[in-house]
Amino acid sequence: MIDAGAGAGTVIVGGGTAGCVLAARLSADPDHIVCLLEAGPMWSAAAELPADLRLAGRMPIGPASPWVWRYPVRLADGPVAGNIVRGRVLGGSGAINGGYFVRALATDFAAWGRQCPEWTFDAVLPGFQQIERDLDYGAFPGHGDRGPIPVRRAVDPVPVSVEFATAAVAAGFPEIPDLNALPAAVPETGVGPVPCNVEAGMRAGSATEYLLPALARPNLTVLGSTMVTRIRFRGARVVGVDYVRDGRAGTVTAERVVLSAGAVESAALLLRSGIGPPEQLRALGIPVLRAAPVGAWFTDHPEVGIEYRGVAAPASDTVALEYVLALDDVEIRPYAVGFGPDPSTRRVGVALMRPHSAGELRLVSADPAVPPDIEYRYLAAEYDRERLRTAVGVVMEVLRGIPATEVPETRPDNSWLRANLGTSQHLSGTCPMGPASAESAVVDQWGRVHGLSGLTVADLSVVPVPLSRGPQATVLMIAERVAEHLLERM
């Protein structure tokens, strides 16, 4: 083990979904010293994790949760505000989420690959296969059956899920048995069970399946409760990071720094280190190292909620989402868990997966303790409003096909959309990939920050297009591919 004040071959900032994969993969080379710094707590074995982090039926993101970053945000113009949470714990948001593990669509990778040829669907498929141990479809084409992450659909879905799926099929929507199948077998409209990274009721994420089994390696150090405050450079070359741990400041020197702190914190750390829009940095007294459009564009999935009442109560001991209904660029989510004190209250989420509206993240202070300003600008595009209105109408028709339900009369005009607006908490794209000639690009197609040496970003912040599915599986794939690229060049 190395001391935090010593040097490392690679320092990884953030022990979340991507960071755990990178630390495990890079430290597999016994000659390479790796140091992972995580702002939240860590444990030495999966058995030590608190039940709220292990049990897949729990999502510990409430106001008292000690395992999240909490950020105030503006979702839309006017008084539409709220908070988002991201995981601040070993395993990151994958340690607190619902276990949804669906690959992004081939159409997403077609758009991604137009400027980044290494990210077409054919290019990324081996990465997806390497990750998974699909317990249902592992022997089928395009799948993996030997990877570290177990993937399974609900064996005995709860009545709420079955009712909705049955009503969707009765309404004429096709069944999709495997949402992670090869593109020819996955229509963009249909209903199917959600693949989840869950085994025996437990979350099986990158912390438990990648990192913790590697902790005994002598060339790997993992430090929890360690907040990285700034990246250090000598000229345009990275030389390490500054951190605060137990109230004391320190520095780790390194040949290479990989940011995997998530779309919010990776962007904020670049900005605090002088990489970003020059006017914004100068206004905060931050010396400009490199002009870059950090935080200038991001995307997420706006989601409106519809509540209705039924006979069978939602469950409390299952994953949050067992089935989804896909309508091209809209995902309809009949939640399997209860909302509110009334056990008969159910909720369907209507999420727009490829919105035309985009947001912006800006620093408001050079102080790492001050959260950035995050403005979503949801519903700014008429296309987004129209797609959500249409999708709400579809949901109402499906709900009316479920026996013994009370479906509220809903007129999804703009006022209703704003009143019921939320977010899927899938913020991405604050440091997007692209060639150096692209106005929007912060990193190249392997995550290397343009114009600087030794600095890589590998997490959801680098995704340059909206993703049509939730991001967890895609983030793991990104980490696998970037790790392989780094290993080839050590």
Protein backbone atom coordinates (compact mmCIF):
# COMPACT_ATOMS: atom_id res chain seq x y z
CA MET A 1 0.00 0.00 0.00
CA ILE A 2 1.17 3.54 -0.70
CA ASP A 3 0.79 6.57 1.49
CA ALA A 4 -1.60 9.29 0.29
CA GLY A 5 1.23 11.76 0.23
CA ALA A 6 3.38 9.60 -1.99
CA GLY A 7 3.33 9.32 -5.75
CA ALA A 8 1.31 7.03 -7.97
CA GLY A 9 1.32 5.97 -11.57
CA THR A 10 -2.38 6.84 -11.81
CA VAL A 11 -4.61 8.75 -9.43
CA ILE A 12 -8.32 8.13 -9.96
CA VAL A 13 -10.62 10.80 -8.57
CA GLY A 14 -13.97 9.31 -7.57
CA GLY A 15 -14.80 5.77 -6.55
CA GLY A 16 -18.19 5.63 -8.24
CA THR A 17 -19.53 3.41 -11.00
CA ALA A 18 -16.66 4.22 -13.38
CA GLY A 19 -13.89 4.79 -10.84
CA CYS A 20 -14.22 1.34 -9.26
CA VAL A 21 -13.91 -0.31 -12.68
CA LEU A 22 -10.87 1.77 -13.59
CA ALA A 23 -9.09 1.10 -10.29
CA ALA A 24 -9.63 -2.65 -10.57
CA ARG A 25 -8.65 -2.85 -14.21
CA LEU A 26 -5.56 -0.61 -14.04
CA SER A 27 -4.23 -2.23 -10.85
CA ALA A 28 -4.40 -5.64 -12.53
CA ASP A 29 -0.98 -4.68 -13.89
CA PRO A 30 1.22 -5.38 -10.81
CA ASP A 31 3.86 -2.92 -12.01
CA HIS A 32 1.47 0.02 -12.05
CA ILE A 33 0.68 1.90 -8.83
CA VAL A 34 -2.91 3.09 -8.56
CA CYS A 35 -4.45 5.38 -5.96
CA LEU A 36 -8.23 5.86 -5.83
CA LEU A 37 -9.61 8.83 -3.87
CA GLU A 38 -13.30 8.80 -2.91
CA ALA A 39 -15.07 11.65 -1.14
CA GLY A 40 -17.56 9.34 0.57
CA PRO A 41 -17.11 6.41 2.95
CA MET A 42 -15.71 3.04 1.94
CA TRP A 43 -15.64 -0.51 3.25
CA SER A 44 -13.25 -3.42 2.85
CA ALA A 45 -15.78 -6.12 1.96
CA ALA A 46 -19.32 -6.34 0.61
CA ALA A 47 -20.52 -7.90 3.88
CA GLU A 48 -19.57 -4.67 5.70
CA LEU A 49 -21.90 -2.48 3.66
CA PRO A 50 -25.00 -1.19 5.45
CA ALA A 51 -28.25 -2.92 4.48
CA ASP A 52 -29.53 0.23 2.73
CA LEU A 53 -26.65 -0.01 0.27
CA ARG A 54 -26.85 -3.75 -0.28
CA LEU A 55 -30.58 -4.45 -0.54
CA ALA A 56 -31.80 -3.72 -4.06
CA GLY A 57 -35.27 -2.81 -2.83
CA ARG A 58 -33.95 0.22 -0.94
CA MET A 59 -32.93 3.54 -2.45
CA PRO A 60 -31.26 5.54 0.34
CA ILE A 61 -31.59 8.99 -1.20
CA GLY A 62 -33.90 10.69 1.30
CA PRO A 63 -33.12 13.89 3.21
CA ALA A 64 -31.28 12.00 5.97
CA SER A 65 -29.10 9.93 3.64
CA PRO A 66 -25.38 10.21 4.50
CA TRP A 67 -24.35 8.71 1.14
CA VAL A 68 -25.28 11.38 -1.40
CA TRP A 69 -24.17 14.68 -2.84
CA ARG A 70 -27.19 16.97 -2.85
CA TYR A 71 -27.40 19.84 -5.34
CA PRO A 72 -30.03 22.57 -5.72
CA VAL A 73 -31.13 22.88 -9.35
CA ARG A 74 -33.52 24.83 -11.55
CA LEU A 75 -35.46 22.45 -13.75
CA ALA A 76 -37.26 25.00 -15.92
CA ASP A 77 -37.96 28.70 -16.25
CA GLY A 78 -39.83 30.25 -13.37
CA PRO A 79 -40.24 28.66 -9.94
CA VAL A 80 -39.61 25.08 -11.09
CA ALA A 81 -36.76 24.15 -8.77
CA GLY A 82 -35.66 21.11 -6.86
CA ASN A 83 -32.74 19.03 -5.75
CA ILE A 84 -30.81 16.23 -7.36
CA VAL A 85 -28.70 13.62 -5.59
CA ARG A 86 -25.65 11.68 -6.72
CA GLY A 87 -23.92 8.88 -4.86
CA ARG A 88 -21.19 9.98 -2.45
CA VAL A 89 -20.02 6.55 -1.42
CA LEU A 90 -17.89 3.76 -2.80
CA GLY A 91 -19.82 2.61 -5.84
CA GLY A 92 -21.27 6.07 -6.46
CA SER A 93 -24.81 6.39 -7.76
CA GLY A 94 -24.77 2.69 -8.65
CA ALA A 95 -24.73 1.98 -4.90
CA ILE A 96 -27.96 3.90 -4.23
CA ASN A 97 -30.03 3.48 -7.40
CA GLY A 98 -32.73 1.03 -8.45
CA GLY A 99 -30.50 -1.47 -10.25
CA TYR A 100 -31.74 -0.60 -13.77
CA PHE A 101 -29.16 -2.02 -16.20
CA VAL A 102 -30.31 -1.39 -19.76
CA ARG A 103 -27.89 -0.66 -22.58
CA ALA A 104 -28.23 2.54 -24.59
CA LEU A 105 -29.67 2.01 -28.05
CA ALA A 106 -27.78 1.49 -31.30
CA THR A 107 -29.24 4.79 -32.55
CA ASP A 108 -27.52 6.57 -29.66
CA PHE A 109 -24.18 5.08 -30.64
CA ALA A 110 -24.77 5.95 -34.29
CA ALA A 111 -25.10 9.60 -33.26
CA TRP A 112 -22.13 9.30 -30.88
CA GLY A 113 -19.99 7.61 -33.53
CA ARG A 114 -20.48 10.31 -36.16
CA GLN A 115 -17.79 12.41 -34.44
CA CYS A 116 -16.17 9.66 -32.36
CA PRO A 117 -15.64 6.58 -34.58
CA GLU A 118 -14.52 4.43 -31.62
CA TRP A 119 -18.04 4.65 -30.14
CA THR A 120 -20.32 3.09 -32.73
CA PHE A 121 -22.48 0.21 -31.54
CA ASP A 122 -20.23 -2.38 -33.14
CA ALA A 123 -17.21 -0.81 -31.41
CA VAL A 124 -18.77 -0.75 -27.93
CA LEU A 125 -20.56 -4.13 -28.03
CA PRO A 126 -17.49 -6.10 -26.81
CA GLY A 127 -17.32 -3.77 -23.82
CA PHE A 128 -20.93 -4.48 -22.90
CA GLN A 129 -20.31 -8.21 -23.26
CA GLN A 130 -17.20 -8.02 -21.09
CA ILE A 131 -19.13 -6.42 -18.24
CA GLU A 132 -22.06 -8.75 -17.90
CA ARG A 133 -22.94 -12.18 -16.67
CA ASP A 134 -26.47 -12.28 -17.98
CA LEU A 135 -28.29 -14.96 -16.02
CA ASP A 136 -31.21 -15.04 -18.48
CA TYR A 137 -29.68 -14.49 -21.93
CA GLY A 138 -25.94 -15.03 -21.44
CA ALA A 139 -25.78 -17.70 -24.15
CA PHE A 140 -27.56 -15.52 -26.72
CA PRO A 141 -25.76 -13.49 -29.42
CA GLY A 142 -24.46 -10.13 -28.24
CA HIS A 143 -24.44 -11.08 -24.57
CA GLY A 144 -21.80 -12.04 -22.02
CA ASP A 145 -21.99 -14.89 -19.51
CA ARG A 146 -18.66 -14.52 -17.69
CA GLY A 147 -18.45 -10.86 -16.69
CA PRO A 148 -18.38 -9.54 -13.13
CA ILE A 149 -21.86 -7.95 -13.17
CA PRO A 150 -24.82 -10.35 -12.82
CA VAL A 151 -27.84 -9.24 -14.83
CA ARG A 152 -31.35 -10.61 -14.35
CA ARG A 153 -34.98 -9.68 -15.08
CA ALA A 154 -37.63 -10.04 -12.36
CA VAL A 155 -38.38 -13.74 -11.84
CA ASP A 156 -41.67 -13.10 -10.05
CA PRO A 157 -42.76 -9.53 -10.85
CA VAL A 158 -45.18 -7.87 -8.48
CA PRO A 159 -48.85 -7.43 -9.47
CA VAL A 160 -48.45 -3.70 -10.18
CA SER A 161 -45.83 -4.46 -12.84
CA VAL A 162 -47.74 -7.37 -14.36
CA GLU A 163 -50.97 -5.36 -14.59
CA PHE A 164 -49.31 -2.52 -16.47
CA ALA A 165 -47.39 -4.79 -18.85
CA THR A 166 -50.53 -6.81 -19.59
CA ALA A 167 -52.53 -3.66 -20.29
CA ALA A 168 -49.78 -2.33 -22.59
CA VAL A 169 -49.79 -5.55 -24.63
CA ALA A 170 -53.60 -5.47 -24.79
CA ALA A 171 -53.32 -1.90 -26.11
CA GLY A 172 -51.27 -3.21 -29.04
CA PHE A 173 -47.68 -2.70 -27.94
CA PRO A 174 -45.29 -5.56 -28.75
CA GLU A 175 -43.47 -7.48 -26.07
CA ILE A 176 -39.68 -7.11 -25.87
CA PRO A 177 -38.33 -10.07 -23.86
CA ASP A 178 -34.76 -8.74 -23.77
CA LEU A 179 -34.16 -4.99 -23.79
CA ASN A 180 -30.41 -5.68 -24.07
CA ALA A 181 -30.66 -7.86 -27.19
CA LEU A 182 -28.90 -6.99 -30.44
CA PRO A 183 -30.52 -4.04 -32.26
CA ALA A 184 -32.46 -6.15 -34.77
CA ALA A 185 -34.34 -7.78 -31.87
CA VAL A 186 -35.14 -4.59 -29.93
CA PRO A 187 -37.82 -2.40 -31.52
CA GLU A 188 -37.85 1.15 -30.23
CA THR A 189 -41.50 0.75 -29.23
CA GLY A 190 -42.68 -2.04 -26.93
CA VAL A 191 -42.92 -3.28 -23.36
CA GLY A 192 -40.45 -5.52 -21.59
CA PRO A 193 -38.87 -6.53 -18.29
CA VAL A 194 -36.00 -4.40 -17.01
CA PRO A 195 -32.56 -6.06 -16.78
CA CYS A 196 -31.14 -5.31 -13.32
CA ASN A 197 -27.70 -5.75 -11.78
CA VAL A 198 -29.19 -7.60 -8.84
CA GLU A 199 -28.49 -11.06 -7.48
CA ALA A 200 -30.38 -12.71 -4.61
CA GLY A 201 -32.00 -9.37 -3.81
CA MET A 202 -28.66 -7.58 -3.47
CA ARG A 203 -27.16 -4.83 -5.62
CA ALA A 204 -24.14 -6.06 -7.55
CA GLY A 205 -22.35 -2.94 -8.71
CA SER A 206 -18.84 -1.92 -9.62
CA ALA A 207 -17.77 -1.52 -5.99
CA THR A 208 -18.77 -5.02 -4.88
CA GLU A 209 -17.96 -6.85 -8.13
CA TYR A 210 -14.87 -5.01 -9.39
CA LEU A 211 -13.10 -3.04 -6.66
CA LEU A 212 -13.55 -4.85 -3.35
CA PRO A 213 -12.16 -8.17 -4.70
CA ALA A 214 -9.03 -6.24 -5.79
CA LEU A 215 -8.30 -4.44 -2.51
CA ALA A 216 -5.59 -6.89 -1.43
CA ARG A 217 -3.34 -5.90 -4.34
CA PRO A 218 -0.19 -4.23 -2.98
CA ASN A 219 -0.15 -1.70 -5.83
CA LEU A 220 -3.67 -0.40 -5.10
CA THR A 221 -4.60 2.16 -2.45
CA VAL A 222 -8.17 3.26 -1.88
CA LEU A 223 -8.89 6.18 0.44
CA GLY A 224 -12.42 7.13 1.49
CA SER A 225 -13.56 10.44 2.99
CA THR A 226 -11.01 12.19 0.77
CA MET A 227 -12.19 15.24 -1.15
CA VAL A 228 -10.06 16.26 -4.14
CA THR A 229 -10.04 20.06 -4.42
CA ARG A 230 -7.77 20.79 -7.39
CA ILE A 231 -5.70 19.21 -10.14
CA ARG A 232 -2.03 20.20 -10.20
CA PHE A 233 -0.10 20.92 -13.40
CA ARG A 234 3.42 21.74 -14.50
CA GLY A 235 2.78 23.73 -17.63
CA ALA A 236 0.26 21.70 -19.64
CA ARG A 237 1.24 18.42 -17.94
CA VAL A 238 -0.69 16.98 -15.01
CA VAL A 239 1.46 16.19 -11.95
CA GLY A 240 -1.08 15.28 -9.26
CA VAL A 241 -4.05 16.42 -7.19
CA ASP A 242 -4.68 18.32 -3.97
CA TYR A 243 -7.09 16.83 -1.45
CA VAL A 244 -8.56 17.31 2.02
CA ARG A 245 -8.89 14.36 4.39
CA ASP A 246 -9.82 14.50 8.07
CA GLY A 247 -9.54 18.27 7.91
CA ARG A 248 -5.97 18.18 6.63
CA ALA A 249 -4.78 19.15 3.17
CA GLY A 250 -2.41 17.01 1.14
CA THR A 251 -1.17 16.25 -2.36
CA VAL A 252 -0.73 13.06 -4.35
CA THR A 253 1.72 13.26 -7.24
CA ALA A 254 1.01 11.17 -10.31
CA GLU A 255 2.00 10.49 -13.88
CA ARG A 256 -1.66 10.35 -14.83
CA VAL A 257 -4.95 11.60 -13.36
CA VAL A 258 -8.32 10.11 -14.30
CA LEU A 259 -11.46 11.99 -13.26
CA SER A 260 -14.38 9.68 -12.53
CA ALA A 261 -16.24 11.86 -10.05
CA GLY A 262 -19.45 12.06 -12.08
CA ALA A 263 -20.91 14.61 -14.44
CA VAL A 264 -21.24 17.29 -11.76
CA GLU A 265 -18.05 16.87 -9.73
CA SER A 266 -15.70 16.05 -12.63
CA ALA A 267 -16.81 19.24 -14.38
CA ALA A 268 -16.56 21.30 -11.20
CA LEU A 269 -13.05 20.01 -10.53
CA LEU A 270 -11.90 20.93 -14.04
CA LEU A 271 -13.34 24.41 -13.60
CA ARG A 272 -11.71 24.92 -10.18
CA SER A 273 -8.41 23.83 -11.75
CA GLY A 274 -8.55 26.49 -14.45
CA ILE A 275 -10.04 24.48 -17.32
CA GLY A 276 -13.22 26.04 -18.63
CA PRO A 277 -14.80 29.20 -20.06
CA PRO A 278 -12.22 31.97 -19.40
CA GLU A 279 -14.73 34.69 -18.48
CA GLN A 280 -16.42 32.46 -15.90
CA LEU A 281 -13.09 31.49 -14.33
CA ARG A 282 -11.66 35.01 -14.22
CA ALA A 283 -14.82 36.31 -12.57
CA LEU A 284 -14.17 33.85 -9.73
CA GLY A 285 -10.47 34.64 -9.46
CA ILE A 286 -9.39 31.29 -10.94
CA PRO A 287 -6.30 31.48 -13.19
CA VAL A 288 -7.12 30.18 -16.66
CA LEU A 289 -5.02 27.18 -17.66
CA ARG A 290 -7.00 26.06 -20.70
CA ALA A 291 -10.11 27.45 -22.38
CA ALA A 292 -12.71 24.70 -22.74
CA PRO A 293 -16.53 24.49 -22.88
CA VAL A 294 -16.79 22.63 -19.55
CA GLY A 295 -20.36 22.64 -18.28
CA ALA A 296 -21.64 24.59 -21.27
CA TRP A 297 -23.96 21.75 -22.33
CA PHE A 298 -25.53 18.86 -20.52
CA THR A 299 -28.55 16.70 -20.89
CA ASP A 300 -30.81 14.66 -18.63
CA HIS A 301 -34.19 12.95 -18.88
CA PRO A 302 -37.14 15.16 -17.87
CA GLU A 303 -39.81 13.07 -16.18
CA VAL A 304 -43.40 13.86 -15.30
CA GLY A 305 -45.29 11.72 -12.82
CA ILE A 306 -48.86 10.41 -13.03
CA GLU A 307 -50.44 9.07 -9.86
CA TYR A 308 -53.41 6.71 -9.85
CA ARG A 309 -55.07 4.31 -7.43
CA GLY A 310 -55.42 0.55 -7.66
CA VAL A 311 -56.48 -2.46 -5.63
CA ALA A 312 -53.16 -4.28 -5.28
CA ALA A 313 -50.72 -2.20 -3.27
CA PRO A 314 -47.29 -1.48 -4.72
CA ALA A 315 -44.44 -3.50 -3.26
CA SER A 316 -41.71 -2.29 -0.93
CA ASP A 317 -39.16 -5.09 -1.23
CA THR A 318 -38.51 -5.19 -4.97
CA VAL A 319 -36.50 -3.07 -7.37
CA ALA A 320 -38.14 0.23 -8.19
CA LEU A 321 -38.82 -0.66 -11.80
CA GLU A 322 -39.55 -4.14 -13.19
CA TYR A 323 -41.05 -3.24 -16.59
CA VAL A 324 -40.86 -0.29 -18.98
CA LEU A 325 -42.85 0.72 -22.02
CA ALA A 326 -40.66 2.32 -24.69
CA LEU A 327 -42.24 4.76 -27.15
CA ASP A 328 -39.28 5.60 -29.37
CA ASP A 329 -37.65 8.46 -27.41
CA VAL A 330 -39.99 8.23 -24.40
CA GLU A 331 -39.70 5.68 -21.61
CA ILE A 332 -42.80 4.98 -19.53
CA ARG A 333 -42.02 3.65 -16.06
CA PRO A 334 -44.70 1.89 -13.96
CA TYR A 335 -42.97 2.01 -10.61
CA ALA A 336 -43.23 -1.16 -8.55
CA VAL A 337 -42.69 0.64 -5.24
CA GLY A 338 -45.12 2.80 -3.33
CA PHE A 339 -45.19 6.60 -3.16
CA GLY A 340 -46.64 8.43 -0.20
CA PRO A 341 -48.51 7.16 2.85
CA ASP A 342 -51.46 5.65 0.96
CA PRO A 343 -50.52 2.04 0.02
CA SER A 344 -52.94 2.06 -2.91
CA THR A 345 -51.25 5.02 -4.59
CA ARG A 346 -49.16 4.14 -7.60
CA ARG A 347 -47.02 6.21 -9.92
CA VAL A 348 -46.07 6.06 -13.57
CA GLY A 349 -43.11 8.12 -14.73
CA VAL A 350 -43.07 9.52 -18.26
CA ALA A 351 -39.47 10.33 -19.23
CA LEU A 352 -38.26 11.99 -22.42
CA MET A 353 -35.00 10.26 -23.28
CA ARG A 354 -33.71 12.38 -26.18
CA PRO A 355 -34.77 15.90 -25.25
CA HIS A 356 -33.97 18.85 -27.48
CA SER A 357 -33.56 21.16 -24.49
CA ALA A 358 -30.10 21.25 -22.87
CA GLY A 359 -28.75 22.62 -19.62
CA GLU A 360 -25.70 24.44 -18.29
CA LEU A 361 -23.48 23.96 -15.23
CA ARG A 362 -21.47 26.92 -13.91
CA LEU A 363 -19.29 27.51 -10.88
CA VAL A 364 -20.47 30.23 -8.51
CA SER A 365 -17.43 30.03 -6.22
CA ALA A 366 -13.87 28.70 -6.27
CA ASP A 367 -14.64 27.11 -2.89
CA PRO A 368 -15.09 23.32 -3.33
CA ALA A 369 -17.73 23.34 -0.59
CA VAL A 370 -20.05 25.56 -2.65
CA PRO A 371 -22.15 23.57 -5.15
CA PRO A 372 -22.22 24.73 -8.77
CA ASP A 373 -25.19 26.40 -10.38
CA ILE A 374 -27.13 23.78 -12.37
CA GLU A 375 -29.78 25.02 -14.78
CA TYR A 376 -31.65 22.29 -16.66
CA ARG A 377 -33.83 24.40 -18.96
CA TYR A 378 -36.34 21.56 -19.26
CA LEU A 379 -39.34 22.16 -21.53
CA ALA A 380 -37.59 25.00 -23.36
CA ALA A 381 -38.08 23.23 -26.70
CA GLU A 382 -41.59 22.85 -28.09
CA TYR A 383 -40.65 19.36 -29.30
CA ASP A 384 -40.06 18.26 -25.70
CA ARG A 385 -43.38 19.63 -24.50
CA GLU A 386 -45.27 18.01 -27.37
CA ARG A 387 -43.62 14.60 -26.91
CA LEU A 388 -44.42 14.57 -23.20
CA ARG A 389 -48.03 15.64 -23.81
CA THR A 390 -48.49 12.86 -26.36
CA ALA A 391 -46.88 10.26 -24.11
CA VAL A 392 -49.08 11.22 -21.16
CA GLY A 393 -52.10 10.57 -23.36
CA VAL A 394 -50.77 7.09 -24.18
CA VAL A 395 -50.24 6.35 -20.48
CA MET A 396 -53.81 7.35 -19.64
CA GLU A 397 -55.15 4.94 -22.25
CA VAL A 398 -53.03 2.07 -20.91
CA LEU A 399 -54.07 2.80 -17.32
CA ARG A 400 -57.75 2.74 -18.28
CA GLY A 401 -57.19 -0.83 -19.47
CA ILE A 402 -56.22 -2.01 -15.97
CA PRO A 403 -59.25 -3.35 -14.05
CA ALA A 404 -60.33 -1.66 -10.82
CA THR A 405 -58.14 1.41 -11.15
CA GLU A 406 -58.99 5.04 -10.49
CA VAL A 407 -57.36 7.15 -13.20
CA PRO A 408 -57.44 10.92 -12.72
CA GLU A 409 -58.60 13.20 -15.49
CA THR A 410 -55.44 14.79 -16.84
CA ARG A 411 -55.03 17.59 -19.32
CA PRO A 412 -51.27 17.71 -19.94
CA ASP A 413 -50.95 21.33 -21.01
CA ASN A 414 -47.79 23.32 -20.29
CA SER A 415 -48.97 24.28 -16.81
CA TRP A 416 -49.63 20.64 -15.92
CA LEU A 417 -46.23 19.57 -17.26
CA ARG A 418 -44.47 22.17 -15.10
CA ALA A 419 -46.50 21.29 -12.01
CA ASN A 420 -45.62 17.60 -12.36
CA LEU A 421 -42.07 18.00 -13.64
CA GLY A 422 -39.14 16.12 -12.19
CA THR A 423 -35.91 14.62 -13.42
CA SER A 424 -34.61 11.10 -13.87
CA GLN A 425 -31.29 12.21 -12.30
CA HIS A 426 -29.22 11.01 -15.27
CA LEU A 427 -27.22 14.22 -15.79
CA SER A 428 -24.55 13.74 -18.48
CA GLY A 429 -22.41 15.52 -21.03
CA THR A 430 -20.75 18.31 -19.04
CA CYS A 431 -17.35 17.38 -20.57
CA PRO A 432 -18.37 15.92 -23.94
CA MET A 433 -16.20 13.92 -26.32
CA GLY A 434 -15.33 15.12 -29.78
CA PRO A 435 -12.46 16.15 -32.03
CA ALA A 436 -10.42 19.21 -31.03
CA SER A 437 -12.04 21.09 -33.91
CA ALA A 438 -15.52 20.64 -32.42
CA GLU A 439 -16.75 23.71 -30.60
CA SER A 440 -18.48 21.64 -27.90
CA ALA A 441 -15.70 19.11 -27.19
CA VAL A 442 -13.76 19.03 -23.91
CA VAL A 443 -12.11 15.61 -24.33
CA ASP A 444 -11.09 13.42 -27.24
CA GLN A 445 -12.70 10.07 -27.96
CA TRP A 446 -10.61 8.35 -25.27
CA GLY A 447 -11.46 10.93 -22.62
CA ARG A 448 -8.15 12.84 -22.80
CA VAL A 449 -8.64 16.54 -22.11
CA HIS A 450 -7.80 18.53 -25.22
CA GLY A 451 -4.58 20.54 -24.97
CA LEU A 452 -3.33 18.91 -21.76
CA SER A 453 -1.17 15.85 -21.07
CA GLY A 454 -1.88 13.06 -18.58
CA LEU A 455 -5.47 14.08 -17.74
CA THR A 456 -8.40 11.83 -18.68
CA VAL A 457 -12.11 12.01 -17.87
CA ALA A 458 -14.01 8.72 -17.79
CA ASP A 459 -17.59 8.89 -16.53
CA LEU A 460 -21.01 10.07 -17.66
CA SER A 461 -19.73 13.61 -18.20
CA VAL A 462 -18.03 12.63 -21.50
CA VAL A 463 -21.16 11.32 -23.27
CA PRO A 464 -21.81 13.74 -26.18
CA VAL A 465 -25.41 12.73 -27.00
CA PRO A 466 -28.58 12.08 -24.99
CA LEU A 467 -28.90 8.40 -24.10
CA SER A 468 -32.20 6.65 -24.81
CA ARG A 469 -31.93 4.47 -21.72
CA GLY A 470 -30.74 4.91 -18.13
CA PRO A 471 -26.94 5.28 -17.96
CA GLN A 472 -25.52 2.70 -15.54
CA ALA A 473 -24.63 -0.04 -18.04
CA THR A 474 -23.20 2.52 -20.44
CA VAL A 475 -21.00 4.10 -17.76
CA LEU A 476 -19.52 0.70 -16.90
CA MET A 477 -18.84 0.10 -20.59
CA ILE A 478 -17.11 3.50 -20.89
CA ALA A 479 -14.87 2.69 -17.92
CA GLU A 480 -13.97 -0.72 -19.34
CA ARG A 481 -13.01 0.71 -22.71
CA VAL A 482 -11.04 3.67 -21.33
CA ALA A 483 -9.20 1.35 -18.93
CA GLU A 484 -8.25 -0.94 -21.80
CA HIS A 485 -6.99 2.03 -23.79
CA LEU A 486 -4.89 3.28 -20.86
CA LEU A 487 -3.40 -0.17 -20.23
CA GLU A 488 -2.34 -0.43 -23.85
CA ARG A 489 -0.35 2.79 -23.48
CA MET A 490 1.36 2.26 -20.13
